[in-house]
Amino acid sequence: MKFNELKEQSVHDIERVLATSRDEVRELRFAVVIRQEKKVRDIRKKRKLIAQSLTLLTQKSKEANNK
């Protein structure tokens, strides 16, 4: 998911994306450890998506508090 697509979503949708991304990172880490997965870069991409989601949630909560 692109950052621009993420910006357009509601807070509930962003939280859902955040939860699924965290689950996927956990599963990818286990897959790498038991050598089922060789694409370690996927973990980095998911962690970046998690960071972007958290940033958007913070921004949206600050905007809601200011209004």
Foldseek 3Di string as FASTA:
>chain_A
DDLVVLLPDDLVVLVVLLVVLVVVLVVVVVCVVVVVDDPPVVNVVSVVSNVSSVVSNVVVVVVVVVD
